[in-house]
């Protein structure tokens, strides 16, 4: 699962070595802690997602719930303040719009 927040981008997968845990990953230092302050983040220099944390599934659910509670904007793209992140998210938005059509139209 990818989670794109206005101040964090995470990739979440099952943790094969720890039942009941998720492997939360990020390419950007600080993004995991921004969403899950209690996470113990470690680095894997050989991985495409360098920053990682083993997070109990319930703790991640709680963190996402808190992120939902913090929504205070009417336009997601406009809420992304960091320039580099905004540019990246706009590229993702354009690719999805091209693939699936604007406003749900296909073709």
C-alpha atoms as a PDB file:
ATOM      1  CA  UNK A   1       0.000   0.000   0.000  1.00  0.00           C
ATOM      2  CA  UNK A   2       1.205   3.480  -0.773  1.00  0.00           C
ATOM      3  CA  UNK A   3       0.087   6.306   1.470  1.00  0.00           C
ATOM      4  CA  UNK A   4       0.619   9.821   0.205  1.00  0.00           C
ATOM      5  CA  UNK A   5      -0.028  12.431   2.876  1.00  0.00           C
ATOM      6  CA  UNK A   6       0.626  16.111   2.433  1.00  0.00           C
ATOM      7  CA  UNK A   7       3.769  15.738   4.556  1.00  0.00           C
ATOM      8  CA  UNK A   8       4.763  12.073   4.156  1.00  0.00           C
ATOM      9  CA  UNK A   9       5.000   9.274   1.600  1.00  0.00           C
ATOM     10  CA  UNK A  10       4.995   5.715   2.913  1.00  0.00           C
ATOM     11  CA  UNK A  11       5.072   2.251   1.392  1.00  0.00           C
ATOM     12  CA  UNK A  12       3.565  -0.414   3.631  1.00  0.00           C
ATOM     13  CA  UNK A  13       3.834  -4.176   3.213  1.00  0.00           C
ATOM     14  CA  UNK A  14       3.348  -7.192   5.426  1.00  0.00           C
ATOM     15  CA  UNK A  15       6.269  -7.990   7.672  1.00  0.00           C
ATOM     16  CA  UNK A  16       7.128 -11.559   6.720  1.00  0.00           C
ATOM     17  CA  UNK A  17       9.249 -12.065   9.840  1.00  0.00           C
ATOM     18  CA  UNK A  18       6.818 -10.626  12.397  1.00  0.00           C
ATOM     19  CA  UNK A  19       3.188 -11.724  12.390  1.00  0.00           C
ATOM     20  CA  UNK A  20       0.846  -8.876  13.282  1.00  0.00           C
ATOM     21  CA  UNK A  21       3.391  -6.285  12.139  1.00  0.00           C
ATOM     22  CA  UNK A  22       3.793  -4.216   9.010  1.00  0.00           C
ATOM     23  CA  UNK A  23       7.004  -3.080   7.384  1.00  0.00           C
ATOM     24  CA  UNK A  24       6.594   0.665   6.937  1.00  0.00           C
ATOM     25  CA  UNK A  25       9.085   2.128   4.479  1.00  0.00           C
ATOM     26  CA  UNK A  26      10.002   5.542   3.119  1.00  0.00           C
ATOM     27  CA  UNK A  27      12.538   7.106   0.809  1.00  0.00           C
ATOM     28  CA  UNK A  28      12.462  10.365   2.750  1.00  0.00           C
ATOM     29  CA  UNK A  29      14.104  10.754   6.144  1.00  0.00           C
ATOM     30  CA  UNK A  30      11.575  11.785   8.791  1.00  0.00           C
ATOM     31  CA  UNK A  31       8.406  10.745   6.961  1.00  0.00           C
ATOM     32  CA  UNK A  32       7.808   7.616   9.047  1.00  0.00           C
ATOM     33  CA  UNK A  33       8.292   9.493  12.332  1.00  0.00           C
ATOM     34  CA  UNK A  34       5.966  12.256  11.137  1.00  0.00           C
ATOM     35  CA  UNK A  35       3.144   9.701  10.835  1.00  0.00           C
ATOM     36  CA  UNK A  36       4.157   7.284  13.599  1.00  0.00           C
ATOM     37  CA  UNK A  37       6.179   9.232  16.199  1.00  0.00           C
ATOM     38  CA  UNK A  38       6.811   6.142  18.331  1.00  0.00           C
ATOM     39  CA  UNK A  39       8.315   4.117  15.450  1.00  0.00           C
ATOM     40  CA  UNK A  40      11.897   2.924  15.738  1.00  0.00           C
ATOM     41  CA  UNK A  41      13.244   3.774  12.286  1.00  0.00           C
ATOM     42  CA  UNK A  42      16.327   2.054  10.920  1.00  0.00           C
ATOM     43  CA  UNK A  43      18.215   2.491   7.663  1.00  0.00           C
ATOM     44  CA  UNK A  44      18.939  -0.058   4.974  1.00  0.00           C
ATOM     45  CA  UNK A  45      21.387   1.531   2.544  1.00  0.00           C
ATOM     46  CA  UNK A  46      20.932  -1.309   0.047  1.00  0.00           C
ATOM     47  CA  UNK A  47      17.136  -0.993  -0.237  1.00  0.00           C
ATOM     48  CA  UNK A  48      15.096   1.216  -2.537  1.00  0.00           C
ATOM     49  CA  UNK A  49      13.167   2.417   0.530  1.00  0.00           C
ATOM     50  CA  UNK A  50      16.078   3.323   2.788  1.00  0.00           C
ATOM     51  CA  UNK A  51      14.094   4.187   5.944  1.00  0.00           C
ATOM     52  CA  UNK A  52      12.123   1.391   7.600  1.00  0.00           C
ATOM     53  CA  UNK A  53      10.205   0.523  10.735  1.00  0.00           C
ATOM     54  CA  UNK A  54       8.538  -2.618  12.035  1.00  0.00           C
ATOM     55  CA  UNK A  55       5.147  -1.387  13.229  1.00  0.00           C
ATOM     56  CA  UNK A  56       2.334  -3.344  14.876  1.00  0.00           C
ATOM     57  CA  UNK A  57      -0.637  -3.388  12.500  1.00  0.00           C
ATOM     58  CA  UNK A  58      -2.948  -1.868  15.118  1.00  0.00           C
ATOM     59  CA  UNK A  59      -0.516   1.004  15.729  1.00  0.00           C
ATOM     60  CA  UNK A  60      -0.459   1.763  12.009  1.00  0.00           C
ATOM     61  CA  UNK A  61      -4.252   1.756  11.869  1.00  0.00           C
ATOM     62  CA  UNK A  62      -4.267   4.261  14.716  1.00  0.00           C
ATOM     63  CA  UNK A  63      -1.718   6.468  12.958  1.00  0.00           C
ATOM     64  CA  UNK A  64      -3.809   6.533   9.782  1.00  0.00           C
ATOM     65  CA  UNK A  65      -6.901   7.367  11.793  1.00  0.00           C
ATOM     66  CA  UNK A  66      -5.069  10.315  13.348  1.00  0.00           C
ATOM     67  CA  UNK A  67      -3.948  11.454   9.880  1.00  0.00           C
ATOM     68  CA  UNK A  68      -7.583  11.447   8.775  1.00  0.00           C
ATOM     69  CA  UNK A  69      -8.514  13.515  11.825  1.00  0.00           C
ATOM     70  CA  UNK A  70      -5.908  16.145  10.831  1.00  0.00           C
ATOM     71  CA  UNK A  71      -7.434  16.822   7.393  1.00  0.00           C
ATOM     72  CA  UNK A  72      -8.186  20.533   7.312  1.00  0.00           C
ATOM     73  CA  UNK A  73      -8.112  21.298   3.583  1.00  0.00           C
ATOM     74  CA  UNK A  74     -10.520  21.172   0.662  1.00  0.00           C
ATOM     75  CA  UNK A  75      -7.826  20.390  -1.926  1.00  0.00           C
ATOM     76  CA  UNK A  76      -5.095  17.837  -1.243  1.00  0.00           C
ATOM     77  CA  UNK A  77      -2.656  19.050  -3.881  1.00  0.00           C
ATOM     78  CA  UNK A  78      -2.895  22.577  -2.519  1.00  0.00           C
ATOM     79  CA  UNK A  79      -2.128  21.340   0.995  1.00  0.00           C
ATOM     80  CA  UNK A  80       1.297  19.960   0.037  1.00  0.00           C
ATOM     81  CA  UNK A  81       3.689  22.729   1.081  1.00  0.00           C
ATOM     82  CA  UNK A  82       7.107  21.184   0.384  1.00  0.00           C
ATOM     83  CA  UNK A  83       8.048  22.066  -3.213  1.00  0.00           C
ATOM     84  CA  UNK A  84       9.863  18.840  -4.132  1.00  0.00           C
ATOM     85  CA  UNK A  85       7.063  16.694  -2.666  1.00  0.00           C
ATOM     86  CA  UNK A  86       4.407  18.787  -4.443  1.00  0.00           C
ATOM     87  CA  UNK A  87       6.185  18.357  -7.778  1.00  0.00           C
ATOM     88  CA  UNK A  88       6.427  14.592  -7.295  1.00  0.00           C
ATOM     89  CA  UNK A  89       2.776  14.263  -6.276  1.00  0.00           C
ATOM     90  CA  UNK A  90       1.677  16.314  -9.297  1.00  0.00           C
ATOM     91  CA  UNK A  91       3.559  13.884 -11.549  1.00  0.00           C
ATOM     92  CA  UNK A  92       1.716  10.982  -9.909  1.00  0.00           C
ATOM     93  CA  UNK A  93      -1.587  12.841 -10.320  1.00  0.00           C
ATOM     94  CA  UNK A  94      -0.905  13.414 -14.036  1.00  0.00           C
ATOM     95  CA  UNK A  95       0.021   9.777 -14.668  1.00  0.00           C
ATOM     96  CA  UNK A  96      -3.172   8.588 -12.964  1.00  0.00           C
ATOM     97  CA  UNK A  97      -5.283  11.152 -14.820  1.00  0.00           C
ATOM     98  CA  UNK A  98      -3.762   9.990 -18.122  1.00  0.00           C
ATOM     99  CA  UNK A  99      -4.278   6.318 -17.258  1.00  0.00           C
ATOM    100  CA  UNK A 100      -7.812   6.530 -15.938  1.00  0.00           C
ATOM    101  CA  UNK A 101      -9.158   9.725 -17.409  1.00  0.00           C
ATOM    102  CA  UNK A 102     -10.115  12.924 -15.701  1.00  0.00           C
ATOM    103  CA  UNK A 103     -13.222  12.769 -13.535  1.00  0.00           C
ATOM    104  CA  UNK A 104     -13.463   9.002 -13.864  1.00  0.00           C
ATOM    105  CA  UNK A 105     -13.710   8.867 -17.628  1.00  0.00           C
ATOM    106  CA  UNK A 106     -11.773   6.067 -19.211  1.00  0.00           C
ATOM    107  CA  UNK A 107     -10.215   5.726 -22.606  1.00  0.00           C
END
